[in-house]
Amino acid sequence: MVKLRKNLWVWGGLIPVIIIIFDQLTKFWAINKFNAPQNICAVNPYPGLKIELSPIFDLALVCNQGVSFGMFSSSSTLTRTVLTLFAIAMCGFLLTWINKEKDKLMSFALALIIGGAIGNAIDRARFGAVTDFLSFDDIGFRWVFNVADSAITCGVIGLILAMILQDRAAKKSAKNTAKSP
C-alpha cells in the first residue's frame, strides 16, 4: 500500500481545485462578456471576438484546439481525446511526485501545473477546445491565454527555480562535507 504524504490533500487537492474553480469561473465570465453561448468553442471554434479594455490589455475570445500557444492544433476527435488523456495521465504522475516531494516550492509548483492541466482538460473534453481570453496583443505578445495557462506557466517557472535552489543546496552541503576533517 502506498503511504500518503502528510498534507497531500493541500498540495494535490486543495490548491489544484482552487485553480480549477478560478479558471472555470473566469472562462464563464469572459464568455458572458462577449454575449456568447458557453459552448461557443463547440459551436464556432473561430469566434474572432475582441473587447478593447486598455492600451495594454484586451479580452479576445479564442478557442485553442491544440496545447500551449496553439501547438498541435487540430479539430479531430482523436487529437482532442489524446490530449485530454495525456493531461490526465500527467496529473497522475505529478500527484505521485507531490506525494514523494519534501520541498514546498516544488510541491506548490506541481499543484499549479495539475490545476491548470485539469482546468484546460475540462474545456477540451466539454467543448473540443480550450477557451482563451487574456490578450496582451497591443504590446506585442501575440498569444491569447487563460488562468489555467498562467498556472501552468508559473508552475513550470517554480519547478525550474526549485530545482536550481535544490542543486545549490546540494552543492553547498557537499562542499561543507568535503571541508569537514
C-alpha atoms as a PDB file:
ATOM      1  CA  MET A   1       0.000   0.000   0.000  1.00  0.00           C
ATOM      2  CA  VAL A   2       1.255   3.493  -0.888  1.00  0.00           C
ATOM      3  CA  LYS A   3       1.998   5.756   2.064  1.00  0.00           C
ATOM      4  CA  LEU A   4       0.361   9.143   1.607  1.00  0.00           C
ATOM      5  CA  ARG A   5       2.288  12.265   2.490  1.00  0.00           C
ATOM      6  CA  LYS A   6       1.054  14.472   5.289  1.00  0.00           C
ATOM      7  CA  ASN A   7      -0.813  17.441   3.749  1.00  0.00           C
ATOM      8  CA  LEU A   8      -1.148  15.705   0.365  1.00  0.00           C
ATOM      9  CA  TRP A   9      -4.729  16.939   0.338  1.00  0.00           C
ATOM     10  CA  VAL A  10      -3.422  20.537   0.283  1.00  0.00           C
ATOM     11  CA  TRP A  11      -0.804  20.092  -2.457  1.00  0.00           C
ATOM     12  CA  GLY A  12      -2.643  17.532  -4.561  1.00  0.00           C
ATOM     13  CA  GLY A  13      -6.211  18.571  -3.814  1.00  0.00           C
ATOM     14  CA  LEU A  14      -6.979  21.992  -2.402  1.00  0.00           C
ATOM     15  CA  ILE A  15      -4.559  24.096  -4.470  1.00  0.00           C
ATOM     16  CA  PRO A  16      -5.444  22.422  -7.797  1.00  0.00           C
ATOM     17  CA  VAL A  17      -9.181  22.703  -7.001  1.00  0.00           C
ATOM     18  CA  ILE A  18      -8.813  26.444  -6.281  1.00  0.00           C
ATOM     19  CA  ILE A  19      -7.014  26.882  -9.632  1.00  0.00           C
ATOM     20  CA  ILE A  20      -9.673  24.843 -11.469  1.00  0.00           C
ATOM     21  CA  ILE A  21     -12.560  26.807  -9.930  1.00  0.00           C
ATOM     22  CA  PHE A  22     -10.924  30.181 -10.620  1.00  0.00           C
ATOM     23  CA  ASP A  23     -10.085  29.104 -14.183  1.00  0.00           C
ATOM     24  CA  GLN A  24     -13.598  27.879 -14.948  1.00  0.00           C
ATOM     25  CA  LEU A  25     -15.257  30.923 -13.360  1.00  0.00           C
ATOM     26  CA  THR A  26     -13.081  33.358 -15.331  1.00  0.00           C
ATOM     27  CA  LYS A  27     -13.797  31.499 -18.577  1.00  0.00           C
ATOM     28  CA  PHE A  28     -17.530  31.608 -17.785  1.00  0.00           C
ATOM     29  CA  TRP A  29     -17.250  35.345 -17.041  1.00  0.00           C
ATOM     30  CA  ALA A  30     -15.269  36.085 -20.222  1.00  0.00           C
ATOM     31  CA  ILE A  31     -17.671  34.212 -22.486  1.00  0.00           C
ATOM     32  CA  ASN A  32     -20.584  36.114 -20.899  1.00  0.00           C
ATOM     33  CA  LYS A  33     -18.751  39.421 -21.555  1.00  0.00           C
ATOM     34  CA  PHE A  34     -18.890  38.535 -25.257  1.00  0.00           C
ATOM     35  CA  ASN A  35     -22.592  37.618 -25.017  1.00  0.00           C
ATOM     36  CA  ALA A  36     -21.678  34.239 -26.477  1.00  0.00           C
ATOM     37  CA  PRO A  37     -23.075  30.836 -25.535  1.00  0.00           C
ATOM     38  CA  GLN A  38     -20.938  28.883 -23.039  1.00  0.00           C
ATOM     39  CA  ASN A  39     -20.358  26.215 -25.699  1.00  0.00           C
ATOM     40  CA  ILE A  40     -19.036  28.782 -28.207  1.00  0.00           C
ATOM     41  CA  CYS A  41     -15.903  26.688 -28.817  1.00  0.00           C
ATOM     42  CA  ALA A  42     -18.025  23.667 -29.740  1.00  0.00           C
ATOM     43  CA  VAL A  43     -20.308  25.750 -31.981  1.00  0.00           C
ATOM     44  CA  ASN A  44     -17.757  28.090 -33.569  1.00  0.00           C
ATOM     45  CA  PRO A  45     -14.078  27.278 -32.983  1.00  0.00           C
ATOM     46  CA  TYR A  46     -13.040  30.605 -34.597  1.00  0.00           C
ATOM     47  CA  PRO A  47     -15.243  33.267 -32.944  1.00  0.00           C
ATOM     48  CA  GLY A  48     -12.828  36.179 -33.572  1.00  0.00           C
ATOM     49  CA  LEU A  49     -14.338  38.333 -30.833  1.00  0.00           C
ATOM     50  CA  LYS A  50     -12.383  41.092 -29.087  1.00  0.00           C
ATOM     51  CA  ILE A  51     -13.125  43.745 -26.458  1.00  0.00           C
ATOM     52  CA  GLU A  52     -10.655  46.643 -26.174  1.00  0.00           C
ATOM     53  CA  LEU A  53     -10.040  47.407 -22.493  1.00  0.00           C
ATOM     54  CA  SER A  54      -6.808  49.396 -22.396  1.00  0.00           C
ATOM     55  CA  PRO A  55      -3.714  50.228 -24.456  1.00  0.00           C
ATOM     56  CA  ILE A  56      -2.071  47.144 -22.901  1.00  0.00           C
ATOM     57  CA  PHE A  57      -4.733  44.533 -22.152  1.00  0.00           C
ATOM     58  CA  ASP A  58      -7.815  43.293 -24.017  1.00  0.00           C
ATOM     59  CA  LEU A  59     -10.221  40.390 -23.969  1.00  0.00           C
ATOM     60  CA  ALA A  60     -10.074  38.233 -27.090  1.00  0.00           C
ATOM     61  CA  LEU A  61     -12.127  35.064 -27.360  1.00  0.00           C
ATOM     62  CA  VAL A  62     -10.023  32.283 -28.883  1.00  0.00           C
ATOM     63  CA  CYS A  63     -10.817  28.572 -28.979  1.00  0.00           C
ATOM     64  CA  ASN A  64      -7.492  26.757 -28.772  1.00  0.00           C
ATOM     65  CA  GLN A  65      -7.805  23.267 -30.247  1.00  0.00           C
ATOM     66  CA  GLY A  66      -4.175  22.454 -29.503  1.00  0.00           C
ATOM     67  CA  VAL A  67      -1.964  22.851 -26.454  1.00  0.00           C
ATOM     68  CA  SER A  68       0.075  25.800 -25.183  1.00  0.00           C
ATOM     69  CA  PHE A  69       0.437  28.596 -27.735  1.00  0.00           C
ATOM     70  CA  GLY A  70      -1.744  26.655 -30.212  1.00  0.00           C
ATOM     71  CA  MET A  71       0.787  23.879 -30.849  1.00  0.00           C
ATOM     72  CA  PHE A  72      -0.671  20.625 -32.241  1.00  0.00           C
ATOM     73  CA  SER A  73      -3.893  22.398 -33.229  1.00  0.00           C
ATOM     74  CA  SER A  74      -6.415  20.072 -34.728  1.00  0.00           C
ATOM     75  CA  SER A  75     -10.170  19.749 -34.661  1.00  0.00           C
ATOM     76  CA  SER A  76     -10.102  15.943 -34.786  1.00  0.00           C
ATOM     77  CA  THR A  77     -11.758  13.933 -32.049  1.00  0.00           C
ATOM     78  CA  LEU A  78      -8.671  11.719 -31.846  1.00  0.00           C
ATOM     79  CA  THR A  79      -6.359  14.667 -31.129  1.00  0.00           C
ATOM     80  CA  ARG A  80      -8.763  16.041 -28.514  1.00  0.00           C
ATOM     81  CA  THR A  81      -9.050  12.631 -26.842  1.00  0.00           C
ATOM     82  CA  VAL A  82      -5.285  12.020 -26.863  1.00  0.00           C
ATOM     83  CA  LEU A  83      -4.546  15.489 -25.415  1.00  0.00           C
ATOM     84  CA  THR A  84      -7.184  15.058 -22.694  1.00  0.00           C
ATOM     85  CA  LEU A  85      -5.944  11.576 -21.753  1.00  0.00           C
ATOM     86  CA  PHE A  86      -2.340  12.815 -21.758  1.00  0.00           C
ATOM     87  CA  ALA A  87      -3.290  15.646 -19.365  1.00  0.00           C
ATOM     88  CA  ILE A  88      -4.996  13.176 -17.032  1.00  0.00           C
ATOM     89  CA  ALA A  89      -2.020  10.787 -17.133  1.00  0.00           C
ATOM     90  CA  MET A  90       0.412  13.644 -16.437  1.00  0.00           C
ATOM     91  CA  CYS A  91      -1.697  14.739 -13.464  1.00  0.00           C
ATOM     92  CA  GLY A  92      -1.460  11.194 -12.075  1.00  0.00           C
ATOM     93  CA  PHE A  93       2.314  11.290 -12.492  1.00  0.00           C
ATOM     94  CA  LEU A  94       2.534  14.744 -10.872  1.00  0.00           C
ATOM     95  CA  LEU A  95       0.356  13.621  -7.937  1.00  0.00           C
ATOM     96  CA  THR A  96       2.736  10.709  -7.375  1.00  0.00           C
ATOM     97  CA  TRP A  97       5.645  13.168  -7.478  1.00  0.00           C
ATOM     98  CA  ILE A  98       3.929  15.503  -4.971  1.00  0.00           C
ATOM     99  CA  ASN A  99       3.319  12.564  -2.641  1.00  0.00           C
ATOM    100  CA  LYS A 100       7.085  11.890  -2.520  1.00  0.00           C
ATOM    101  CA  GLU A 101       8.251  15.527  -2.625  1.00  0.00           C
ATOM    102  CA  LYS A 102       9.556  17.234   0.524  1.00  0.00           C
ATOM    103  CA  ASP A 103      10.213  20.706  -0.927  1.00  0.00           C
ATOM    104  CA  LYS A 104       7.283  23.127  -0.524  1.00  0.00           C
ATOM    105  CA  LEU A 105       8.149  25.266  -3.560  1.00  0.00           C
ATOM    106  CA  MET A 106       8.341  22.153  -5.743  1.00  0.00           C
ATOM    107  CA  SER A 107       5.031  20.893  -4.305  1.00  0.00           C
ATOM    108  CA  PHE A 108       3.341  24.245  -4.922  1.00  0.00           C
ATOM    109  CA  ALA A 109       4.677  24.391  -8.488  1.00  0.00           C
ATOM    110  CA  LEU A 110       3.392  20.870  -9.195  1.00  0.00           C
ATOM    111  CA  ALA A 111      -0.001  21.785  -7.696  1.00  0.00           C
ATOM    112  CA  LEU A 112      -0.250  24.787 -10.055  1.00  0.00           C
ATOM    113  CA  ILE A 113       0.523  22.591 -13.052  1.00  0.00           C
ATOM    114  CA  ILE A 114      -2.061  19.991 -12.019  1.00  0.00           C
ATOM    115  CA  GLY A 115      -4.765  22.630 -11.519  1.00  0.00           C
ATOM    116  CA  GLY A 116      -4.008  24.285 -14.855  1.00  0.00           C
ATOM    117  CA  ALA A 117      -3.877  20.985 -16.745  1.00  0.00           C
ATOM    118  CA  ILE A 118      -7.223  19.862 -15.342  1.00  0.00           C
ATOM    119  CA  GLY A 119      -8.817  23.267 -15.966  1.00  0.00           C
ATOM    120  CA  ASN A 120      -7.870  23.101 -19.641  1.00  0.00           C
ATOM    121  CA  ALA A 121      -8.733  19.387 -19.908  1.00  0.00           C
ATOM    122  CA  ILE A 122     -12.267  20.184 -18.729  1.00  0.00           C
ATOM    123  CA  ASP A 123     -12.701  22.628 -21.633  1.00  0.00           C
ATOM    124  CA  ARG A 124     -11.172  20.245 -24.135  1.00  0.00           C
ATOM    125  CA  ALA A 125     -13.429  17.377 -23.020  1.00  0.00           C
ATOM    126  CA  ARG A 126     -16.591  19.526 -22.921  1.00  0.00           C
ATOM    127  CA  PHE A 127     -16.128  21.756 -25.964  1.00  0.00           C
ATOM    128  CA  GLY A 128     -13.332  20.285 -28.080  1.00  0.00           C
ATOM    129  CA  ALA A 129     -11.134  23.332 -27.445  1.00  0.00           C
ATOM    130  CA  VAL A 130      -9.741  25.402 -24.612  1.00  0.00           C
ATOM    131  CA  THR A 131     -11.265  28.842 -24.059  1.00  0.00           C
ATOM    132  CA  ASP A 132      -8.566  31.538 -24.053  1.00  0.00           C
ATOM    133  CA  PHE A 133      -9.398  35.196 -23.470  1.00  0.00           C
ATOM    134  CA  LEU A 134      -6.495  37.171 -21.931  1.00  0.00           C
ATOM    135  CA  SER A 135      -4.753  39.219 -24.617  1.00  0.00           C
ATOM    136  CA  PHE A 136      -1.704  41.471 -24.489  1.00  0.00           C
ATOM    137  CA  ASP A 137      -1.536  41.737 -28.281  1.00  0.00           C
ATOM    138  CA  ASP A 138      -1.327  45.545 -28.102  1.00  0.00           C
ATOM    139  CA  ILE A 139       2.175  45.271 -26.584  1.00  0.00           C
ATOM    140  CA  GLY A 140       3.356  42.577 -28.983  1.00  0.00           C
ATOM    141  CA  PHE A 141       2.524  39.398 -27.044  1.00  0.00           C
ATOM    142  CA  ARG A 142       0.510  37.630 -29.728  1.00  0.00           C
ATOM    143  CA  TRP A 143      -0.681  34.626 -27.719  1.00  0.00           C
ATOM    144  CA  VAL A 144      -4.060  34.636 -26.000  1.00  0.00           C
ATOM    145  CA  PHE A 145      -4.238  32.619 -22.796  1.00  0.00           C
ATOM    146  CA  ASN A 146      -6.305  31.890 -19.676  1.00  0.00           C
ATOM    147  CA  VAL A 147      -5.896  31.363 -15.920  1.00  0.00           C
ATOM    148  CA  ALA A 148      -5.042  27.665 -16.365  1.00  0.00           C
ATOM    149  CA  ASP A 149      -2.260  28.539 -18.823  1.00  0.00           C
ATOM    150  CA  SER A 150      -0.937  31.091 -16.329  1.00  0.00           C
ATOM    151  CA  ALA A 151      -0.954  28.497 -13.542  1.00  0.00           C
ATOM    152  CA  ILE A 152       0.933  26.016 -15.731  1.00  0.00           C
ATOM    153  CA  THR A 153       3.499  28.654 -16.723  1.00  0.00           C
ATOM    154  CA  CYS A 154       4.022  29.781 -13.113  1.00  0.00           C
ATOM    155  CA  GLY A 155       4.259  26.130 -12.091  1.00  0.00           C
ATOM    156  CA  VAL A 156       6.982  25.412 -14.643  1.00  0.00           C
ATOM    157  CA  ILE A 157       8.907  28.524 -13.531  1.00  0.00           C
ATOM    158  CA  GLY A 158       8.506  27.340  -9.931  1.00  0.00           C
ATOM    159  CA  LEU A 159       9.820  23.883 -10.861  1.00  0.00           C
ATOM    160  CA  ILE A 160      12.898  25.372 -12.502  1.00  0.00           C
ATOM    161  CA  LEU A 161      13.515  27.683  -9.541  1.00  0.00           C
ATOM    162  CA  ALA A 162      13.066  24.835  -7.025  1.00  0.00           C
ATOM    163  CA  MET A 163      15.482  22.638  -8.978  1.00  0.00           C
ATOM    164  CA  ILE A 164      18.084  25.424  -9.088  1.00  0.00           C
ATOM    165  CA  LEU A 165      17.707  26.044  -5.341  1.00  0.00           C
ATOM    166  CA  GLN A 166      17.898  22.323  -4.560  1.00  0.00           C
ATOM    167  CA  ASP A 167      21.007  21.987  -6.713  1.00  0.00           C
ATOM    168  CA  ARG A 168      22.667  24.930  -4.959  1.00  0.00           C
ATOM    169  CA  ALA A 169      21.799  23.481  -1.541  1.00  0.00           C
ATOM    170  CA  ALA A 170      23.188  20.066  -2.537  1.00  0.00           C
ATOM    171  CA  LYS A 171      26.434  21.623  -3.823  1.00  0.00           C
ATOM    172  CA  LYS A 172      26.803  23.714  -0.664  1.00  0.00           C
ATOM    173  CA  SER A 173      26.193  20.649   1.500  1.00  0.00           C
ATOM    174  CA  ALA A 174      28.706  18.594  -0.477  1.00  0.00           C
ATOM    175  CA  LYS A 175      31.255  21.409  -0.229  1.00  0.00           C
ATOM    176  CA  ASN A 176      30.756  21.677   3.536  1.00  0.00           C
ATOM    177  CA  THR A 177      31.022  17.900   3.923  1.00  0.00           C
ATOM    178  CA  ALA A 178      34.261  17.859   1.918  1.00  0.00           C
ATOM    179  CA  LYS A 179      35.760  20.577   4.170  1.00  0.00           C
ATOM    180  CA  SER A 180      34.977  18.668   7.377  1.00  0.00           C
ATOM    181  CA  PRO A 181      38.008  16.763   8.769  1.00  0.00           C
END
